[in-house]
């Protein structure tokens, strides 16, 4: 189980120890391309209600504030990747900047997925809003302070701990 920064890489091949395998094969995401800023809530859409981890999730729900990532690889084109949650178009525009590139107006952004070759799950959640501008570093939100996201994490842990292969 990985969260947020565990998938971050600007150039995986520049990192020793075969991180290309980790980012391109295991995660399937490739390199980090961009993010939204400030951390903000998004409407998330369940992409595969039949997958065991998604059984308690409604079709759509609002997340806790988070910084959302975009990847170099289109996960929809990888036959081994099963996308479980994605940002719903009702979220756009997503982010407040200050850079215009940190505000997304359209697109497809998976935020939770698994790789069918491995018993793994990645969740983009994990970066709450922090007051960096005034140098207080005070938490302005709690990323995992969401009952549905907590249930998702617990269901993912139970699925990962199940002795069945997949």
Protein backbone atom coordinates (compact mmCIF):
# COMPACT_ATOMS: atom_id res chain seq x y z
CA UNK A 1 0.00 0.00 0.00
CA UNK A 2 1.44 3.30 -1.03
CA UNK A 3 0.26 6.84 -0.49
CA UNK A 4 0.95 10.13 -2.24
CA UNK A 5 4.73 10.72 -2.34
CA UNK A 6 5.56 7.01 -2.56
CA UNK A 7 4.92 7.35 -6.32
CA UNK A 8 6.73 10.65 -6.83
CA UNK A 9 9.62 10.70 -9.29
CA UNK A 10 10.73 13.41 -11.67
CA UNK A 11 12.97 11.08 -13.67
CA UNK A 12 12.80 7.48 -12.43
CA UNK A 13 15.68 6.27 -14.59
CA UNK A 14 18.06 8.75 -12.92
CA UNK A 15 17.55 7.01 -9.59
CA UNK A 16 19.63 3.88 -8.83
CA UNK A 17 18.23 0.46 -7.87
CA UNK A 18 15.92 -0.03 -10.86
CA UNK A 19 13.32 2.58 -9.99
CA UNK A 20 12.19 2.41 -13.62
CA UNK A 21 10.66 -0.97 -12.75
CA UNK A 22 8.95 0.51 -9.69
CA UNK A 23 7.41 3.49 -11.50
CA UNK A 24 6.70 2.00 -14.94
CA UNK A 25 5.94 -1.66 -14.22
CA UNK A 26 4.81 -1.91 -10.59
CA UNK A 27 2.96 1.42 -10.24
CA UNK A 28 2.46 1.91 -13.97
CA UNK A 29 2.37 5.68 -13.48
CA UNK A 30 5.75 6.67 -14.88
CA UNK A 31 7.12 10.02 -13.81
CA UNK A 32 5.41 12.85 -11.97
CA UNK A 33 4.27 15.55 -14.42
CA UNK A 34 2.33 18.12 -12.39
CA UNK A 35 0.08 18.69 -9.42
CA UNK A 36 -2.76 20.84 -8.22
CA UNK A 37 -2.06 23.49 -5.63
CA UNK A 38 -3.36 24.39 -3.01
CA UNK A 39 -4.55 21.11 -1.57
CA UNK A 40 -8.27 21.01 -2.15
CA UNK A 41 -11.19 18.63 -1.96
CA UNK A 42 -12.24 16.83 -5.13
CA UNK A 43 -15.25 14.80 -6.16
CA UNK A 44 -13.98 11.24 -6.64
CA UNK A 45 -15.70 8.70 -8.89
CA UNK A 46 -15.59 4.93 -8.37
CA UNK A 47 -14.32 3.31 -11.57
CA UNK A 48 -14.81 -0.34 -10.59
CA UNK A 49 -17.54 -0.98 -8.01
CA UNK A 50 -16.98 -4.77 -8.25
CA UNK A 51 -13.43 -4.58 -6.90
CA UNK A 52 -13.44 -5.70 -3.20
CA UNK A 53 -11.81 -2.51 -1.89
CA UNK A 54 -14.58 -0.39 -3.43
CA UNK A 55 -17.58 -2.27 -2.00
CA UNK A 56 -18.42 0.37 0.64
CA UNK A 57 -17.86 3.39 -1.59
CA UNK A 58 -20.71 5.40 -3.12
CA UNK A 59 -20.54 6.10 -6.86
CA UNK A 60 -19.07 9.55 -6.12
CA UNK A 61 -17.97 11.31 -2.94
CA UNK A 62 -16.05 14.38 -1.82
CA UNK A 63 -12.51 13.80 -0.61
CA UNK A 64 -10.63 15.56 2.13
CA UNK A 65 -8.29 18.29 0.82
CA UNK A 66 -5.31 16.90 -1.03
CA UNK A 67 -2.62 17.83 -3.52
CA UNK A 68 -3.42 15.75 -6.62
CA UNK A 69 -0.75 14.36 -8.99
CA UNK A 70 -0.68 13.86 -12.75
CA UNK A 71 1.58 11.17 -14.28
CA UNK A 72 3.45 10.69 -17.55
CA UNK A 73 1.83 7.31 -18.29
CA UNK A 74 -1.84 6.95 -19.19
CA UNK A 75 -2.89 4.23 -16.76
CA UNK A 76 -5.95 3.41 -18.92
CA UNK A 77 -3.59 2.02 -21.60
CA UNK A 78 -1.88 -0.47 -19.27
CA UNK A 79 -3.80 -3.79 -19.31
CA UNK A 80 -2.36 -4.70 -15.89
CA UNK A 81 -3.65 -1.57 -14.15
CA UNK A 82 -7.13 -1.49 -12.66
CA UNK A 83 -8.18 2.08 -11.87
CA UNK A 84 -10.44 2.15 -8.81
CA UNK A 85 -11.02 5.89 -8.22
CA UNK A 86 -10.58 8.92 -10.46
CA UNK A 87 -11.28 12.62 -10.16
CA UNK A 88 -14.79 13.36 -11.39
CA UNK A 89 -15.27 16.18 -13.89
CA UNK A 90 -17.54 17.92 -11.34
CA UNK A 91 -14.29 18.87 -9.55
CA UNK A 92 -13.04 21.23 -12.27
CA UNK A 93 -11.52 23.69 -11.94
CA UNK A 94 -9.37 21.91 -9.34
CA UNK A 95 -6.66 23.80 -7.43
CA UNK A 96 -6.23 27.51 -6.78
CA UNK A 97 -2.66 28.19 -7.90
CA UNK A 98 -0.86 30.61 -7.66
CA UNK A 99 0.61 29.10 -10.85
CA UNK A 100 -1.94 28.60 -13.63
CA UNK A 101 -0.47 25.13 -14.31
CA UNK A 102 -1.51 24.14 -10.77
CA UNK A 103 -5.20 24.57 -11.66
CA UNK A 104 -6.70 21.74 -13.69
CA UNK A 105 -9.69 22.51 -15.90
CA UNK A 106 -10.22 19.13 -17.56
CA UNK A 107 -8.66 15.71 -18.03
CA UNK A 108 -8.67 12.20 -16.62
CA UNK A 109 -6.81 11.75 -13.32
CA UNK A 110 -6.74 8.33 -11.61
CA UNK A 111 -6.12 8.61 -7.87
CA UNK A 112 -6.44 5.01 -6.61
CA UNK A 113 -5.40 1.92 -8.55
CA UNK A 114 -3.98 -1.57 -8.36
CA UNK A 115 -1.72 -3.61 -10.60
CA UNK A 116 -3.21 -7.04 -11.33
CA UNK A 117 0.28 -8.61 -11.53
CA UNK A 118 0.88 -7.76 -7.86
CA UNK A 119 -1.21 -7.48 -4.73
CA UNK A 120 -0.74 -3.75 -4.33
CA UNK A 121 -2.76 -0.56 -4.11
CA UNK A 122 -1.72 3.06 -4.57
CA UNK A 123 -3.68 6.02 -3.18
CA UNK A 124 -2.80 9.57 -4.23
CA UNK A 125 -4.11 10.96 -0.93
CA UNK A 126 -1.57 12.17 1.59
CA UNK A 127 -0.80 15.91 1.38
CA UNK A 128 -2.89 18.18 3.55
CA UNK A 129 -2.92 21.96 3.24
CA UNK A 130 -0.17 23.64 5.28
CA UNK A 131 0.50 27.34 5.80
CA UNK A 132 3.83 27.68 4.02
CA UNK A 133 3.19 31.25 2.88
CA UNK A 134 3.20 32.73 6.39
CA UNK A 135 5.95 30.34 7.52
CA UNK A 136 3.83 28.98 10.37
CA UNK A 137 3.71 25.44 8.87
CA UNK A 138 0.34 25.15 10.59
CA UNK A 139 -1.99 22.42 9.32
CA UNK A 140 -4.90 24.04 7.51
CA UNK A 141 -6.60 20.72 6.77
CA UNK A 142 -6.15 17.03 7.46
CA UNK A 143 -5.94 14.96 4.28
CA UNK A 144 -7.19 11.71 5.76
CA UNK A 145 -9.92 13.32 7.88
CA UNK A 146 -12.68 11.77 5.78
CA UNK A 147 -14.85 8.87 6.93
CA UNK A 148 -15.18 7.34 3.45
CA UNK A 149 -11.45 7.57 2.77
CA UNK A 150 -10.77 5.93 6.14
CA UNK A 151 -13.14 3.09 5.20
CA UNK A 152 -11.38 2.78 1.84
CA UNK A 153 -8.01 2.46 3.58
CA UNK A 154 -9.33 -0.17 6.00
CA UNK A 155 -10.93 -2.17 3.18
CA UNK A 156 -7.66 -1.95 1.23
CA UNK A 157 -5.69 -3.26 4.22
CA UNK A 158 -8.14 -6.13 4.67
CA UNK A 159 -7.89 -6.96 0.95
CA UNK A 160 -4.09 -6.83 1.05
CA UNK A 161 -4.03 -9.08 4.12
CA UNK A 162 -6.36 -11.68 2.59
CA UNK A 163 -4.52 -14.92 1.86
CA UNK A 164 -6.26 -15.31 -1.50
CA UNK A 165 -4.03 -14.50 -4.46
CA UNK A 166 -6.08 -11.55 -5.78
